[in-house]
Amino acid sequence: MSEKTRKKLPKRIIALIVAGAFIAVLGFTLLGFYIGFWVADGEAHTWTPAYEMLDGDALKAIYDKPEPSEEDYEILFRQTGLTKTGIDRAKKQKNGWAKVLAIQKSYFTERGVDTELYAPLVCTDYHTGDPAEMIYLERGDILITSSTHFSGFRIGHSAIAVDNYGRIFQSNQVGVASGYARATEMFGNRTNFMVVRIKPEYFSDAKTDDEQYRSNLDRVTSYIENDLKDVKYSVFTGVFTKKDSLAATSCAHMIWYGFKHFDDANGGQFNLDLDSNGRLLIVPKNISESPYVELVQTFGFDPEKMYE
């Protein structure tokens, strides 16, 4: 529209044209968000293996080997979703074999999916049936799921384990400050989850120094429990508030902040930045892809793709 033509149009008409254009852009944007939501909702599923499930005797023969090979651990992983770390964790427990067998059954069980809308364009996917069997959690483990999505974006959820009995600490939703929950309730019923931990070499002088590793993880977890408790939730933490402040937090930001800022608050030596892409907004996927963490267990994720 030329300047000359614009001058001839009444201001009221110009205002209507501008308003109409704004409404059209807003409408197309909302339509795009809803299309993304419907597509993501339609793709909600929990992955189960398409290959054969080994019988208990065959699996136990591999599990009981004094020194399993890498190939043995790969078979155990494909049958249970447990890595070497997860299998070794089970072997330390009196009923470890029974736990592994239960995890295998859970891993191969086909399930339906229920979706729950708890905010506009925000939905969480839950599988039907009993909660998925989870490996023994240890203090400092990080739990991650991709089961929550905003429109077509899989924002997921994450939390940190605070004991060996399934208690977790999390920042979960708007209007609810950070605090405690149960791992089974928050992750066991989701369509997928993974358990990861900080690699031992980053939390001890030697990879085999388990006592030092546990002590350091305990210190950071205590910092998160004490200093990040009752912080208000904001999904836009790092965008509308500073990433390095506690004006607000979110599930992944809370974990990132604890490991990143423990050094400043307690004179520690870790200062681990678990954000794998370094952007303002941190989501659970960023933590799952951090070079500082390793997988302990996966459920409902295609192991060839993991969190995509």
Protein backbone atom coordinates (compact mmCIF):
# COMPACT_ATOMS: atom_id res chain seq x y z
CA MET A 1 0.00 0.00 0.00
CA SER A 2 1.53 3.32 -1.05
CA GLU A 3 1.84 6.33 1.24
CA LYS A 4 -0.59 8.26 -0.94
CA THR A 5 -3.23 5.53 -0.75
CA ARG A 6 -2.71 5.17 3.00
CA LYS A 7 -3.46 8.86 3.51
CA LYS A 8 -6.74 8.51 1.65
CA LEU A 9 -7.91 5.65 3.91
CA PRO A 10 -9.65 6.60 7.16
CA LYS A 11 -7.66 5.79 10.28
CA ARG A 12 -10.46 3.50 11.39
CA ILE A 13 -10.07 1.34 8.26
CA ILE A 14 -6.30 1.17 8.74
CA ALA A 15 -6.80 0.08 12.34
CA LEU A 16 -9.21 -2.64 11.23
CA ILE A 17 -6.74 -3.91 8.62
CA VAL A 18 -3.93 -4.04 11.19
CA ALA A 19 -6.17 -5.75 13.75
CA GLY A 20 -7.37 -8.24 11.14
CA ALA A 21 -3.81 -9.07 10.14
CA PHE A 22 -2.83 -9.57 13.78
CA ILE A 23 -5.80 -11.86 14.44
CA ALA A 24 -5.00 -13.86 11.28
CA VAL A 25 -1.36 -14.35 12.34
CA LEU A 26 -2.45 -15.30 15.87
CA GLY A 27 -5.05 -17.70 14.50
CA PHE A 28 -2.58 -19.45 12.19
CA THR A 29 -0.06 -19.67 15.06
CA LEU A 30 -2.61 -21.27 17.38
CA LEU A 31 -3.71 -23.60 14.59
CA GLY A 32 -0.09 -24.66 14.13
CA PHE A 33 0.24 -25.36 17.86
CA TYR A 34 -2.95 -27.43 17.87
CA ILE A 35 -1.89 -29.41 14.79
CA GLY A 36 1.44 -30.13 16.51
CA PHE A 37 -0.47 -31.20 19.64
CA TRP A 38 -2.74 -33.59 17.72
CA VAL A 39 0.21 -35.09 15.84
CA ALA A 40 2.21 -35.61 19.07
CA ASP A 41 -0.86 -37.04 20.78
CA GLY A 42 -1.33 -39.48 17.93
CA GLU A 43 2.29 -40.61 18.20
CA ALA A 44 2.03 -41.35 21.93
CA HIS A 45 3.16 -44.92 22.53
CA THR A 46 5.36 -47.01 24.76
CA TRP A 47 8.03 -49.00 22.93
CA THR A 48 8.28 -52.75 23.49
CA PRO A 49 10.82 -55.12 21.88
CA ALA A 50 9.78 -56.83 18.63
CA TYR A 51 12.35 -59.59 19.13
CA GLU A 52 12.15 -62.77 21.21
CA MET A 53 12.04 -62.71 24.98
CA LEU A 54 14.50 -65.22 26.49
CA ASP A 55 13.16 -67.65 29.07
CA GLY A 56 14.28 -67.26 32.67
CA ASP A 57 16.82 -70.09 32.63
CA ALA A 58 18.59 -68.73 29.54
CA LEU A 59 18.69 -65.22 31.00
CA LYS A 60 19.91 -66.42 34.39
CA ALA A 61 22.73 -68.40 32.79
CA ILE A 62 24.07 -65.11 31.40
CA TYR A 63 23.30 -63.12 34.56
CA ASP A 64 25.15 -65.63 36.77
CA LYS A 65 28.41 -65.56 34.85
CA PRO A 66 31.27 -64.49 37.17
CA GLU A 67 32.72 -62.23 34.48
CA PRO A 68 30.11 -61.45 31.77
CA SER A 69 31.52 -60.27 28.45
CA GLU A 70 30.46 -57.10 26.65
CA GLU A 71 28.28 -59.31 24.46
CA ASP A 72 26.64 -60.78 27.57
CA TYR A 73 25.87 -57.33 28.92
CA GLU A 74 24.44 -56.34 25.52
CA ILE A 75 22.06 -59.33 25.63
CA LEU A 76 21.02 -58.42 29.18
CA PHE A 77 20.42 -54.85 28.07
CA ARG A 78 18.26 -55.89 25.11
CA GLN A 79 16.26 -58.17 27.41
CA THR A 80 15.77 -55.78 30.32
CA GLY A 81 16.79 -52.23 29.43
CA LEU A 82 19.46 -52.49 32.15
CA THR A 83 23.03 -51.48 31.35
CA LYS A 84 26.07 -53.02 33.04
CA THR A 85 25.64 -50.44 35.80
CA GLY A 86 22.04 -51.54 36.35
CA ILE A 87 22.90 -55.26 36.29
CA ASP A 88 25.81 -54.78 38.70
CA ARG A 89 23.49 -52.81 40.98
CA ALA A 90 21.03 -55.71 41.02
CA LYS A 91 23.79 -58.23 41.83
CA LYS A 92 24.57 -56.34 45.04
CA GLN A 93 21.08 -57.01 46.36
CA LYS A 94 19.83 -60.21 47.97
CA ASN A 95 16.80 -60.39 45.67
CA GLY A 96 18.58 -58.93 42.66
CA TRP A 97 17.82 -61.78 40.27
CA ALA A 98 14.09 -61.62 41.07
CA LYS A 99 14.21 -57.87 40.38
CA VAL A 100 15.91 -58.41 37.00
CA LEU A 101 13.36 -61.07 36.05
CA ALA A 102 10.50 -58.72 36.97
CA ILE A 103 12.10 -55.94 34.95
CA GLN A 104 12.40 -58.24 31.92
CA LYS A 105 8.70 -59.13 32.12
CA SER A 106 7.78 -55.45 32.46
CA TYR A 107 10.08 -54.53 29.56
CA PHE A 108 8.35 -56.96 27.17
CA THR A 109 4.74 -56.32 28.29
CA GLU A 110 2.68 -54.58 25.61
CA ARG A 111 0.59 -51.74 27.04
CA GLY A 112 -2.04 -49.31 25.92
CA VAL A 113 -1.72 -45.56 26.34
CA ASP A 114 -3.90 -43.04 28.17
CA THR A 115 -3.31 -39.31 27.75
CA GLU A 116 -4.09 -36.64 30.33
CA LEU A 117 -4.53 -32.99 29.43
CA TYR A 118 -3.62 -30.81 32.40
CA ALA A 119 -3.13 -27.41 30.71
CA PRO A 120 -3.98 -25.94 27.28
CA LEU A 121 -1.85 -27.76 24.69
CA VAL A 122 0.00 -29.64 27.45
CA CYS A 123 -0.50 -33.39 27.78
CA THR A 124 1.15 -36.31 29.60
CA ASP A 125 1.10 -39.87 28.24
CA TYR A 126 0.60 -42.76 30.68
CA HIS A 127 0.69 -46.46 29.91
CA THR A 128 -2.09 -48.76 31.04
CA GLY A 129 -1.59 -51.59 33.50
CA ASP A 130 0.74 -51.87 36.48
CA PRO A 131 3.65 -49.45 36.96
CA ALA A 132 6.81 -50.46 35.09
CA GLU A 133 9.36 -52.28 37.23
CA MET A 134 12.26 -50.02 38.16
CA ILE A 135 15.82 -50.90 39.16
CA TYR A 136 16.98 -50.11 42.71
CA LEU A 137 17.41 -46.35 42.80
CA GLU A 138 20.40 -44.76 44.49
CA ARG A 139 20.67 -41.28 45.93
CA GLY A 140 21.68 -38.88 43.16
CA ASP A 141 20.19 -40.88 40.28
CA ILE A 142 18.38 -38.74 37.71
CA LEU A 143 15.06 -39.90 36.24
CA ILE A 144 13.95 -38.64 32.83
CA THR A 145 10.86 -39.14 30.65
CA SER A 146 9.70 -37.64 27.34
CA SER A 147 6.04 -38.41 28.05
CA THR A 148 4.90 -34.79 28.54
CA HIS A 149 4.47 -32.62 25.47
CA PHE A 150 3.51 -29.01 24.80
CA SER A 151 1.96 -28.92 21.32
CA GLY A 152 4.41 -31.04 19.29
CA PHE A 153 7.38 -30.41 21.59
CA ARG A 154 8.36 -33.31 23.88
CA ILE A 155 9.35 -31.28 26.95
CA GLY A 156 9.27 -34.35 29.22
CA HIS A 157 9.98 -34.40 32.95
CA SER A 158 12.94 -35.13 35.22
CA ALA A 159 13.69 -35.54 38.93
CA ILE A 160 16.48 -36.65 41.25
CA ALA A 161 16.37 -39.68 43.56
CA VAL A 162 17.01 -38.82 47.21
CA ASP A 163 17.11 -42.29 48.80
CA ASN A 164 17.07 -46.03 48.07
CA TYR A 165 13.33 -46.34 48.69
CA GLY A 166 11.91 -44.57 45.64
CA ARG A 167 11.61 -41.01 46.93
CA ILE A 168 12.44 -38.25 44.45
CA PHE A 169 12.79 -34.47 44.55
CA GLN A 170 11.27 -32.50 41.67
CA SER A 171 9.86 -29.28 40.28
CA ASN A 172 6.74 -30.41 38.48
CA GLN A 173 4.05 -27.89 37.55
CA VAL A 174 2.73 -24.34 37.74
CA GLY A 175 1.42 -23.47 41.19
CA VAL A 176 3.36 -26.26 42.92
CA ALA A 177 6.74 -25.47 44.49
CA SER A 178 9.65 -27.91 44.25
CA GLY A 179 9.42 -30.81 46.70
CA TYR A 180 9.18 -34.57 47.22
CA ALA A 181 7.25 -37.30 45.38
CA ARG A 182 7.42 -41.03 44.65
CA ALA A 183 9.32 -42.38 41.63
CA THR A 184 6.69 -45.05 40.92
CA GLU A 185 3.89 -42.48 40.77
CA MET A 186 5.77 -39.88 38.73
CA PHE A 187 7.70 -42.17 36.34
CA GLY A 188 6.58 -45.79 36.67
CA ASN A 189 3.21 -45.06 35.06
CA ARG A 190 4.61 -42.96 32.20
CA THR A 191 4.96 -44.33 28.69
CA ASN A 192 8.73 -44.20 29.06
CA PHE A 193 11.49 -43.33 31.47
CA MET A 194 15.22 -43.66 31.85
CA VAL A 195 17.46 -43.68 34.92
CA VAL A 196 20.88 -42.07 34.50
CA ARG A 197 23.67 -41.25 36.91
CA ILE A 198 26.74 -39.02 36.95
CA LYS A 199 29.73 -40.94 35.60
CA PRO A 200 31.97 -41.91 38.54
CA GLU A 201 35.10 -40.39 37.00
CA TYR A 202 33.58 -36.91 37.36
CA PHE A 203 32.76 -37.30 41.05
CA SER A 204 35.78 -39.17 42.40
CA ASP A 205 39.53 -39.24 41.93
CA ALA A 206 39.34 -42.79 40.60
CA LYS A 207 36.51 -44.52 38.76
CA THR A 208 36.58 -47.36 41.28
CA ASP A 209 36.39 -45.16 44.39
CA ASP A 210 32.73 -45.84 45.21
CA GLU A 211 32.85 -44.37 48.72
CA GLN A 212 34.09 -40.98 47.52
CA TYR A 213 31.63 -41.03 44.62
CA ARG A 214 28.69 -41.70 46.96
CA SER A 215 29.83 -39.00 49.37
CA ASN A 216 30.06 -36.37 46.65
CA LEU A 217 26.69 -37.30 45.14
CA ASP A 218 25.17 -37.08 48.61
CA ARG A 219 26.54 -33.57 49.10
CA VAL A 220 25.09 -32.28 45.84
CA THR A 221 21.76 -34.01 46.39
CA SER A 222 21.55 -32.47 49.87
CA TYR A 223 22.23 -29.05 48.35
CA ILE A 224 19.34 -29.53 45.89
CA GLU A 225 17.01 -30.72 48.67
CA ASN A 226 17.86 -27.87 51.04
CA ASP A 227 18.61 -24.87 48.83
CA LEU A 228 16.20 -25.55 45.97
CA LYS A 229 13.19 -26.50 48.06
CA ASP A 230 9.93 -24.53 47.71
CA VAL A 231 11.10 -22.63 44.60
CA LYS A 232 8.18 -21.68 42.35
CA TYR A 233 7.82 -23.40 38.98
CA SER A 234 8.09 -21.75 35.57
CA VAL A 235 8.35 -23.62 32.29
CA PHE A 236 10.15 -20.56 30.86
CA THR A 237 12.95 -20.50 33.44
CA GLY A 238 16.06 -19.28 31.64
CA VAL A 239 13.98 -17.26 29.15
CA PHE A 240 11.83 -14.93 31.29
CA THR A 241 14.11 -15.34 34.31
CA LYS A 242 17.89 -15.64 34.39
CA LYS A 243 19.17 -19.17 33.93
CA ASP A 244 21.70 -18.72 36.75
CA SER A 245 19.14 -17.46 39.28
CA LEU A 246 16.52 -19.14 41.44
CA ALA A 247 13.74 -16.65 40.76
CA ALA A 248 11.93 -19.71 39.41
CA THR A 249 12.86 -23.21 38.33
CA SER A 250 11.63 -26.17 36.31
CA CYS A 251 12.30 -29.91 36.46
CA ALA A 252 15.47 -29.96 34.36
CA HIS A 253 16.65 -26.49 35.43
CA MET A 254 16.52 -27.55 39.09
CA ILE A 255 18.84 -30.52 38.47
CA TRP A 256 21.13 -28.49 36.19
CA TYR A 257 21.32 -25.66 38.74
CA GLY A 258 22.18 -28.02 41.61
CA PHE A 259 25.11 -29.66 39.85
CA LYS A 260 26.28 -26.42 38.22
CA HIS A 261 26.14 -24.17 41.29
CA PHE A 262 27.08 -26.51 44.11
CA ASP A 263 30.64 -25.24 43.70
CA ASP A 264 29.62 -21.63 44.32
CA ALA A 265 27.43 -22.41 47.30
CA ASN A 266 29.51 -25.00 49.11
CA GLY A 267 33.10 -24.61 48.00
CA GLY A 268 32.97 -27.90 46.15
CA GLN A 269 35.03 -28.78 43.12
CA PHE A 270 32.45 -30.19 40.70
CA ASN A 271 30.74 -27.37 38.77
CA LEU A 272 29.24 -29.84 36.27
CA ASP A 273 27.20 -28.26 33.47
CA LEU A 274 24.67 -30.96 32.54
CA ASP A 275 23.10 -28.82 29.80
CA SER A 276 24.26 -30.55 26.62
CA ASN A 277 23.32 -27.71 24.23
CA GLY A 278 24.05 -24.58 26.30
CA ARG A 279 20.88 -22.69 25.41
CA LEU A 280 18.81 -20.53 27.76
CA LEU A 281 16.01 -23.06 28.21
CA ILE A 282 17.07 -26.45 29.56
CA VAL A 283 14.83 -29.51 29.15
CA PRO A 284 15.24 -33.15 30.30
CA LYS A 285 16.52 -34.24 26.89
CA ASN A 286 19.55 -31.95 27.35
CA ILE A 287 20.47 -33.78 30.56
CA SER A 288 19.96 -37.22 28.99
CA GLU A 289 22.47 -36.30 26.27
CA SER A 290 25.08 -34.82 28.63
CA PRO A 291 28.55 -36.38 28.36
CA TYR A 292 28.68 -36.35 32.17
CA VAL A 293 25.92 -38.95 32.63
CA GLU A 294 25.56 -42.65 31.85
CA LEU A 295 22.48 -44.82 31.43
CA VAL A 296 21.40 -47.21 34.19
CA GLN A 297 17.97 -48.30 32.91
CA THR A 298 15.59 -47.52 30.07
CA PHE A 299 11.93 -48.42 29.70
CA GLY A 300 9.55 -47.56 26.86
CA PHE A 301 12.28 -45.86 24.80
CA ASP A 302 13.51 -47.47 21.60
CA PRO A 303 17.17 -48.09 22.56
CA GLU A 304 18.22 -47.31 18.98
CA LYS A 305 16.70 -43.83 19.21
CA MET A 306 16.25 -43.07 22.91
CA TYR A 307 14.98 -39.52 23.51
CA GLU A 308 14.14 -38.09 20.08
